[in-house]
Amino acid sequence: MNKKYLKLVDEGWELGTNAFADLGLENAEKLQAKAYLRAAILSRIAALHITQVEAARLIGISQPKMSNLMTDITPRGFSSDKLMEFATKLGLDVKIQVKPARSQFGRVLVADTAPHKVRQTKPHRRKTAKAALGARPRSH
């Protein structure tokens, strides 16, 4: 997980608050949703114990693009649709819910703001991407 992100959490920054809105950025709700998708993707990669190269291969992008996704706080260059595609390729379900707004204009909400916990573990032997996702060897 990103060291800067962990430092913010240690300093009391709470998930569920929209830092993008606090900074006065346009499309803050959309940026928050993309950041949440990115966090879920990074958490899943860590849980699978796979390398950047293996993760890139699994979701179908180059390693440099995967590096950008993993190090760039705001996932520039990746649409929400693309991030959802990456999440599903990593074995995550993505749920979208549309309902009537309480006011004249609707808004984009991140439904589950619970942090994705990443266990800090001792160095270990990396699994291959297929093994991490539970792929079974074909019988001949």
N, C-alpha and C. Protein backbone atom coordinates (compact mmCIF):
# COMPACT_ATOMS: atom_id res chain seq x y z
N MET A 1 0.84 -1.17 0.00
CA MET A 1 0.00 0.00 0.00
C MET A 1 0.89 1.24 0.00
N ASN A 2 0.42 2.32 -0.55
CA ASN A 2 1.16 3.55 -0.69
C ASN A 2 1.56 4.12 0.67
N LYS A 3 2.84 4.42 0.86
CA LYS A 3 3.35 4.93 2.14
C LYS A 3 2.72 6.26 2.50
N LYS A 4 2.51 7.14 1.52
CA LYS A 4 1.88 8.43 1.80
C LYS A 4 0.47 8.24 2.32
N TYR A 5 -0.25 7.29 1.73
CA TYR A 5 -1.62 7.00 2.15
C TYR A 5 -1.62 6.50 3.59
N LEU A 6 -0.73 5.55 3.90
CA LEU A 6 -0.66 5.00 5.26
C LEU A 6 -0.31 6.08 6.27
N LYS A 7 0.54 7.03 5.88
CA LYS A 7 0.90 8.13 6.77
C LYS A 7 -0.33 8.99 7.06
N LEU A 8 -1.14 9.26 6.05
CA LEU A 8 -2.36 10.04 6.26
C LEU A 8 -3.30 9.33 7.22
N VAL A 9 -3.45 8.03 7.06
CA VAL A 9 -4.31 7.25 7.95
C VAL A 9 -3.77 7.32 9.38
N ASP A 10 -2.45 7.17 9.54
CA ASP A 10 -1.83 7.26 10.87
C ASP A 10 -2.04 8.63 11.51
N GLU A 11 -2.11 9.67 10.69
CA GLU A 11 -2.30 11.02 11.20
C GLU A 11 -3.77 11.35 11.47
N GLY A 12 -4.66 10.36 11.28
CA GLY A 12 -6.06 10.58 11.61
C GLY A 12 -6.98 10.86 10.45
N TRP A 13 -6.47 10.81 9.23
CA TRP A 13 -7.33 11.00 8.06
C TRP A 13 -8.30 9.85 8.00
N GLU A 14 -9.56 10.12 7.85
CA GLU A 14 -10.58 9.08 7.88
C GLU A 14 -11.07 8.75 6.49
N LEU A 15 -11.20 7.45 6.23
CA LEU A 15 -11.85 7.03 4.98
C LEU A 15 -13.31 7.42 5.10
N GLY A 16 -13.89 7.80 3.99
CA GLY A 16 -15.29 8.20 4.01
C GLY A 16 -15.41 9.71 3.88
N THR A 17 -14.39 10.45 4.27
CA THR A 17 -14.39 11.89 4.03
C THR A 17 -13.86 12.08 2.61
N ASN A 18 -14.30 13.10 1.95
CA ASN A 18 -13.88 13.32 0.58
C ASN A 18 -12.80 14.39 0.55
N ALA A 19 -11.55 13.94 0.53
CA ALA A 19 -10.42 14.86 0.51
C ALA A 19 -10.43 15.71 -0.77
N PHE A 20 -10.96 15.16 -1.86
CA PHE A 20 -11.02 15.89 -3.12
C PHE A 20 -11.94 17.10 -2.99
N ALA A 21 -13.05 16.92 -2.29
CA ALA A 21 -13.97 18.04 -2.05
C ALA A 21 -13.32 19.06 -1.12
N ASP A 22 -12.62 18.56 -0.10
CA ASP A 22 -11.93 19.46 0.83
C ASP A 22 -10.91 20.33 0.11
N LEU A 23 -10.31 19.79 -0.95
CA LEU A 23 -9.33 20.54 -1.74
C LEU A 23 -9.99 21.44 -2.79
N GLY A 24 -11.32 21.35 -2.90
CA GLY A 24 -12.03 22.19 -3.85
C GLY A 24 -11.90 21.75 -5.30
N LEU A 25 -11.61 20.47 -5.52
CA LEU A 25 -11.44 19.98 -6.89
C LEU A 25 -12.77 19.75 -7.57
N GLU A 26 -12.80 20.01 -8.88
CA GLU A 26 -13.99 19.71 -9.67
C GLU A 26 -14.19 18.20 -9.71
N ASN A 27 -15.42 17.77 -9.83
CA ASN A 27 -15.75 16.35 -9.92
C ASN A 27 -15.22 15.56 -8.72
N ALA A 28 -15.27 16.15 -7.54
CA ALA A 28 -14.72 15.51 -6.34
C ALA A 28 -15.37 14.16 -6.08
N GLU A 29 -16.67 14.03 -6.30
CA GLU A 29 -17.34 12.76 -6.04
C GLU A 29 -16.85 11.66 -6.98
N LYS A 30 -16.64 12.01 -8.24
CA LYS A 30 -16.13 11.04 -9.20
C LYS A 30 -14.69 10.65 -8.88
N LEU A 31 -13.88 11.62 -8.48
CA LEU A 31 -12.50 11.34 -8.09
C LEU A 31 -12.47 10.42 -6.87
N GLN A 32 -13.39 10.65 -5.93
CA GLN A 32 -13.47 9.80 -4.73
C GLN A 32 -13.81 8.36 -5.12
N ALA A 33 -14.75 8.20 -6.03
CA ALA A 33 -15.15 6.86 -6.47
C ALA A 33 -13.97 6.14 -7.15
N LYS A 34 -13.24 6.86 -7.99
CA LYS A 34 -12.08 6.27 -8.66
C LYS A 34 -10.99 5.90 -7.65
N ALA A 35 -10.79 6.76 -6.66
CA ALA A 35 -9.79 6.47 -5.63
C ALA A 35 -10.18 5.23 -4.83
N TYR A 36 -11.46 5.07 -4.58
CA TYR A 36 -11.93 3.89 -3.85
C TYR A 36 -11.70 2.62 -4.68
N LEU A 37 -12.01 2.69 -5.97
CA LEU A 37 -11.75 1.54 -6.85
C LEU A 37 -10.27 1.19 -6.86
N ARG A 38 -9.42 2.21 -6.95
CA ARG A 38 -7.98 1.98 -6.95
C ARG A 38 -7.54 1.31 -5.65
N ALA A 39 -8.05 1.78 -4.52
CA ALA A 39 -7.69 1.19 -3.23
C ALA A 39 -8.11 -0.27 -3.16
N ALA A 40 -9.29 -0.58 -3.69
CA ALA A 40 -9.77 -1.97 -3.70
C ALA A 40 -8.87 -2.84 -4.58
N ILE A 41 -8.45 -2.31 -5.72
CA ILE A 41 -7.58 -3.04 -6.64
C ILE A 41 -6.22 -3.31 -5.98
N LEU A 42 -5.63 -2.29 -5.36
CA LEU A 42 -4.34 -2.45 -4.71
C LEU A 42 -4.42 -3.43 -3.53
N SER A 43 -5.50 -3.36 -2.81
CA SER A 43 -5.69 -4.28 -1.69
C SER A 43 -5.80 -5.72 -2.19
N ARG A 44 -6.50 -5.90 -3.29
CA ARG A 44 -6.66 -7.25 -3.85
C ARG A 44 -5.32 -7.79 -4.35
N ILE A 45 -4.53 -6.96 -5.00
CA ILE A 45 -3.21 -7.38 -5.49
C ILE A 45 -2.35 -7.82 -4.31
N ALA A 46 -2.39 -7.05 -3.23
CA ALA A 46 -1.61 -7.40 -2.04
C ALA A 46 -2.12 -8.71 -1.43
N ALA A 47 -3.43 -8.89 -1.39
CA ALA A 47 -4.01 -10.11 -0.82
C ALA A 47 -3.67 -11.34 -1.65
N LEU A 48 -3.53 -11.16 -2.95
CA LEU A 48 -3.18 -12.28 -3.84
C LEU A 48 -1.68 -12.60 -3.80
N HIS A 49 -0.89 -11.72 -3.20
CA HIS A 49 0.56 -11.90 -3.12
C HIS A 49 1.19 -12.08 -4.51
N ILE A 50 0.80 -11.20 -5.43
CA ILE A 50 1.36 -11.27 -6.78
C ILE A 50 2.17 -10.00 -7.05
N THR A 51 3.08 -10.10 -7.99
CA THR A 51 3.94 -8.97 -8.33
C THR A 51 3.20 -8.00 -9.25
N GLN A 52 3.79 -6.82 -9.42
CA GLN A 52 3.25 -5.84 -10.38
C GLN A 52 3.15 -6.44 -11.77
N VAL A 53 4.19 -7.15 -12.17
CA VAL A 53 4.22 -7.75 -13.51
C VAL A 53 3.08 -8.76 -13.66
N GLU A 54 2.89 -9.60 -12.65
CA GLU A 54 1.82 -10.61 -12.71
C GLU A 54 0.45 -9.94 -12.71
N ALA A 55 0.29 -8.91 -11.89
CA ALA A 55 -0.99 -8.19 -11.85
C ALA A 55 -1.27 -7.52 -13.19
N ALA A 56 -0.25 -6.91 -13.79
CA ALA A 56 -0.41 -6.25 -15.09
C ALA A 56 -0.85 -7.26 -16.14
N ARG A 57 -0.20 -8.42 -16.14
CA ARG A 57 -0.53 -9.48 -17.10
C ARG A 57 -1.98 -9.94 -16.89
N LEU A 58 -2.36 -10.09 -15.63
CA LEU A 58 -3.69 -10.57 -15.29
C LEU A 58 -4.79 -9.63 -15.76
N ILE A 59 -4.57 -8.31 -15.61
CA ILE A 59 -5.62 -7.36 -16.00
C ILE A 59 -5.45 -6.82 -17.41
N GLY A 60 -4.33 -7.18 -18.06
CA GLY A 60 -4.17 -6.85 -19.47
C GLY A 60 -3.61 -5.47 -19.77
N ILE A 61 -2.70 -5.00 -18.90
CA ILE A 61 -2.03 -3.73 -19.19
C ILE A 61 -0.52 -3.93 -19.06
N SER A 62 0.23 -2.94 -19.51
CA SER A 62 1.69 -3.04 -19.42
C SER A 62 2.14 -2.80 -17.97
N GLN A 63 3.35 -3.26 -17.66
CA GLN A 63 3.89 -3.07 -16.32
C GLN A 63 4.05 -1.58 -15.99
N PRO A 64 4.52 -0.73 -16.93
CA PRO A 64 4.62 0.69 -16.59
C PRO A 64 3.26 1.31 -16.23
N LYS A 65 2.20 0.90 -16.94
CA LYS A 65 0.87 1.41 -16.59
C LYS A 65 0.44 0.91 -15.22
N MET A 66 0.77 -0.34 -14.91
CA MET A 66 0.45 -0.89 -13.59
C MET A 66 1.19 -0.11 -12.52
N SER A 67 2.45 0.22 -12.79
CA SER A 67 3.24 1.01 -11.84
C SER A 67 2.58 2.36 -11.60
N ASN A 68 2.09 3.00 -12.66
CA ASN A 68 1.39 4.28 -12.51
C ASN A 68 0.14 4.12 -11.65
N LEU A 69 -0.60 3.06 -11.89
CA LEU A 69 -1.82 2.81 -11.12
C LEU A 69 -1.48 2.62 -9.63
N MET A 70 -0.39 1.93 -9.37
CA MET A 70 -0.03 1.62 -7.99
C MET A 70 0.60 2.80 -7.25
N THR A 71 1.20 3.74 -7.96
CA THR A 71 1.90 4.84 -7.29
C THR A 71 1.20 6.18 -7.39
N ASP A 72 0.31 6.36 -8.34
CA ASP A 72 -0.37 7.64 -8.54
C ASP A 72 -1.62 7.67 -7.66
N ILE A 73 -1.69 8.61 -6.74
CA ILE A 73 -2.81 8.70 -5.81
C ILE A 73 -4.14 8.84 -6.55
N THR A 74 -4.20 9.70 -7.54
CA THR A 74 -5.40 9.83 -8.36
C THR A 74 -5.15 9.05 -9.63
N PRO A 75 -5.96 8.03 -9.91
CA PRO A 75 -5.69 7.16 -11.06
C PRO A 75 -5.92 7.84 -12.41
N ARG A 76 -5.04 8.78 -12.73
CA ARG A 76 -5.14 9.49 -14.02
C ARG A 76 -4.88 8.51 -15.15
N GLY A 77 -5.60 8.69 -16.23
CA GLY A 77 -5.40 7.83 -17.39
C GLY A 77 -6.23 6.57 -17.34
N PHE A 78 -6.99 6.37 -16.26
CA PHE A 78 -7.85 5.19 -16.14
C PHE A 78 -9.28 5.67 -15.86
N SER A 79 -10.20 5.30 -16.73
CA SER A 79 -11.60 5.66 -16.51
C SER A 79 -12.18 4.79 -15.40
N SER A 80 -13.31 5.20 -14.88
CA SER A 80 -14.00 4.39 -13.87
C SER A 80 -14.35 3.02 -14.45
N ASP A 81 -14.78 3.01 -15.72
CA ASP A 81 -15.11 1.74 -16.38
C ASP A 81 -13.90 0.81 -16.42
N LYS A 82 -12.74 1.36 -16.75
CA LYS A 82 -11.52 0.56 -16.84
C LYS A 82 -11.14 0.04 -15.45
N LEU A 83 -11.25 0.87 -14.43
CA LEU A 83 -10.94 0.43 -13.07
C LEU A 83 -11.89 -0.68 -12.62
N MET A 84 -13.15 -0.58 -12.98
CA MET A 84 -14.11 -1.65 -12.65
C MET A 84 -13.74 -2.94 -13.37
N GLU A 85 -13.31 -2.82 -14.62
CA GLU A 85 -12.86 -3.99 -15.38
C GLU A 85 -11.66 -4.65 -14.70
N PHE A 86 -10.69 -3.83 -14.26
CA PHE A 86 -9.52 -4.36 -13.56
C PHE A 86 -9.95 -5.11 -12.29
N ALA A 87 -10.87 -4.50 -11.55
CA ALA A 87 -11.33 -5.11 -10.29
C ALA A 87 -11.95 -6.48 -10.55
N THR A 88 -12.77 -6.58 -11.58
CA THR A 88 -13.41 -7.87 -11.86
C THR A 88 -12.40 -8.90 -12.35
N LYS A 89 -11.39 -8.47 -13.09
CA LYS A 89 -10.35 -9.40 -13.55
C LYS A 89 -9.51 -9.93 -12.38
N LEU A 90 -9.52 -9.19 -11.28
CA LEU A 90 -8.79 -9.61 -10.09
C LEU A 90 -9.68 -10.40 -9.12
N GLY A 91 -10.91 -10.68 -9.56
CA GLY A 91 -11.79 -11.50 -8.74
C GLY A 91 -12.64 -10.73 -7.75
N LEU A 92 -12.85 -9.44 -8.00
CA LEU A 92 -13.71 -8.63 -7.14
C LEU A 92 -15.06 -8.41 -7.82
N ASP A 93 -16.11 -8.32 -7.04
CA ASP A 93 -17.41 -7.92 -7.55
C ASP A 93 -17.54 -6.41 -7.38
N VAL A 94 -18.12 -5.75 -8.37
CA VAL A 94 -18.36 -4.31 -8.31
C VAL A 94 -19.87 -4.11 -8.37
N LYS A 95 -20.40 -3.41 -7.40
CA LYS A 95 -21.85 -3.19 -7.33
C LYS A 95 -22.15 -1.72 -7.60
N ILE A 96 -23.05 -1.47 -8.54
CA ILE A 96 -23.50 -0.11 -8.85
C ILE A 96 -24.97 -0.04 -8.53
N GLN A 97 -25.36 0.97 -7.78
CA GLN A 97 -26.76 1.11 -7.38
C GLN A 97 -27.24 2.51 -7.78
N VAL A 98 -28.34 2.57 -8.49
CA VAL A 98 -28.92 3.84 -8.90
C VAL A 98 -30.29 3.96 -8.24
N LYS A 99 -30.55 5.10 -7.60
CA LYS A 99 -31.83 5.32 -6.93
C LYS A 99 -32.21 6.78 -7.05
N PRO A 100 -33.48 7.13 -6.81
CA PRO A 100 -33.88 8.53 -6.88
C PRO A 100 -33.12 9.38 -5.86
N ALA A 101 -32.74 10.58 -6.27
CA ALA A 101 -32.02 11.50 -5.39
C ALA A 101 -32.99 12.17 -4.43
N ARG A 102 -32.47 12.60 -3.29
CA ARG A 102 -33.29 13.31 -2.31
C ARG A 102 -33.46 14.78 -2.67
N SER A 103 -32.61 15.28 -3.55
CA SER A 103 -32.70 16.67 -3.98
C SER A 103 -32.87 16.72 -5.49
N GLN A 104 -32.87 17.91 -6.05
CA GLN A 104 -33.07 18.06 -7.49
C GLN A 104 -31.99 17.35 -8.30
N PHE A 105 -30.76 17.41 -7.84
CA PHE A 105 -29.66 16.79 -8.56
C PHE A 105 -29.10 15.63 -7.75
N GLY A 106 -28.76 14.56 -8.45
CA GLY A 106 -28.17 13.40 -7.80
C GLY A 106 -26.68 13.61 -7.58
N ARG A 107 -26.06 12.63 -6.97
CA ARG A 107 -24.62 12.70 -6.74
C ARG A 107 -24.03 11.30 -6.80
N VAL A 108 -22.73 11.25 -6.89
CA VAL A 108 -22.02 9.97 -6.93
C VAL A 108 -21.55 9.67 -5.51
N LEU A 109 -21.92 8.51 -5.00
CA LEU A 109 -21.55 8.12 -3.64
C LEU A 109 -20.73 6.83 -3.67
N VAL A 110 -19.79 6.74 -2.79
CA VAL A 110 -19.06 5.49 -2.60
C VAL A 110 -19.80 4.76 -1.50
N ALA A 111 -20.41 3.62 -1.84
CA ALA A 111 -21.29 2.93 -0.92
C ALA A 111 -20.56 2.29 0.25
N ASP A 112 -19.45 1.64 0.02
CA ASP A 112 -18.73 0.95 1.07
C ASP A 112 -17.44 1.67 1.32
N THR A 113 -17.36 2.39 2.43
CA THR A 113 -16.14 3.14 2.72
C THR A 113 -15.28 2.47 3.77
N ALA A 114 -15.58 1.20 4.06
CA ALA A 114 -14.74 0.47 5.01
C ALA A 114 -13.36 0.28 4.40
N PRO A 115 -12.32 0.52 5.18
CA PRO A 115 -10.98 0.36 4.62
C PRO A 115 -10.69 -1.09 4.28
N HIS A 116 -9.95 -1.27 3.22
CA HIS A 116 -9.50 -2.60 2.82
C HIS A 116 -8.20 -2.85 3.56
N LYS A 117 -8.24 -3.78 4.49
CA LYS A 117 -7.05 -4.03 5.31
C LYS A 117 -6.06 -4.88 4.54
N VAL A 118 -4.83 -4.48 4.60
CA VAL A 118 -3.74 -5.23 3.98
C VAL A 118 -2.85 -5.70 5.11
N ARG A 119 -2.71 -7.00 5.24
CA ARG A 119 -1.86 -7.54 6.29
C ARG A 119 -0.41 -7.32 5.95
N GLN A 120 0.36 -6.90 6.94
CA GLN A 120 1.80 -6.81 6.78
C GLN A 120 2.35 -8.18 7.12
N THR A 121 2.98 -8.83 6.19
CA THR A 121 3.47 -10.18 6.41
C THR A 121 4.96 -10.25 6.19
N LYS A 122 5.53 -11.34 6.63
CA LYS A 122 6.95 -11.58 6.40
C LYS A 122 7.16 -11.86 4.92
N PRO A 123 8.36 -11.65 4.42
CA PRO A 123 8.62 -11.98 3.01
C PRO A 123 8.24 -13.43 2.74
N HIS A 124 7.68 -13.66 1.59
CA HIS A 124 7.22 -15.00 1.25
C HIS A 124 7.44 -15.26 -0.23
N ARG A 125 7.26 -16.49 -0.57
CA ARG A 125 7.37 -16.88 -1.98
C ARG A 125 6.12 -16.39 -2.71
N ARG A 126 6.30 -15.70 -3.80
CA ARG A 126 5.18 -15.17 -4.57
C ARG A 126 4.45 -16.28 -5.29
N LYS A 127 3.14 -16.12 -5.39
CA LYS A 127 2.33 -17.06 -6.16
C LYS A 127 2.24 -16.56 -7.59
N THR A 128 1.98 -17.45 -8.50
CA THR A 128 1.72 -17.00 -9.86
C THR A 128 0.31 -16.43 -9.87
N ALA A 129 0.02 -15.61 -10.85
CA ALA A 129 -1.30 -14.99 -10.93
C ALA A 129 -2.41 -16.03 -10.97
N LYS A 130 -2.23 -17.10 -11.75
CA LYS A 130 -3.27 -18.13 -11.84
C LYS A 130 -3.46 -18.84 -10.51
N ALA A 131 -2.36 -19.14 -9.83
CA ALA A 131 -2.46 -19.83 -8.55
C ALA A 131 -3.13 -18.93 -7.51
N ALA A 132 -2.84 -17.64 -7.57
CA ALA A 132 -3.42 -16.71 -6.61
C ALA A 132 -4.93 -16.62 -6.76
N LEU A 133 -5.41 -16.76 -7.98
CA LEU A 133 -6.86 -16.71 -8.23
C LEU A 133 -7.51 -18.07 -8.09
N GLY A 134 -6.75 -19.08 -7.74
CA GLY A 134 -7.32 -20.41 -7.50
C GLY A 134 -7.52 -21.24 -8.75
N ALA A 135 -6.78 -20.94 -9.81
CA ALA A 135 -6.91 -21.73 -11.04
C ALA A 135 -6.38 -23.14 -10.78
N ARG A 136 -7.09 -24.09 -11.28
CA ARG A 136 -6.68 -25.49 -11.11
C ARG A 136 -5.96 -25.97 -12.36
N PRO A 137 -4.94 -26.78 -12.17
CA PRO A 137 -4.25 -27.30 -13.35
C PRO A 137 -5.17 -28.21 -14.16
N ARG A 138 -5.01 -28.13 -15.47
CA ARG A 138 -5.84 -28.98 -16.34
C ARG A 138 -5.36 -30.41 -16.27
N SER A 139 -6.31 -31.33 -16.24
CA SER A 139 -5.93 -32.75 -16.27
C SER A 139 -5.83 -33.18 -17.73
N HIS A 140 -4.84 -33.98 -18.01
CA HIS A 140 -4.60 -34.40 -19.40
C HIS A 140 -5.21 -35.74 -19.66
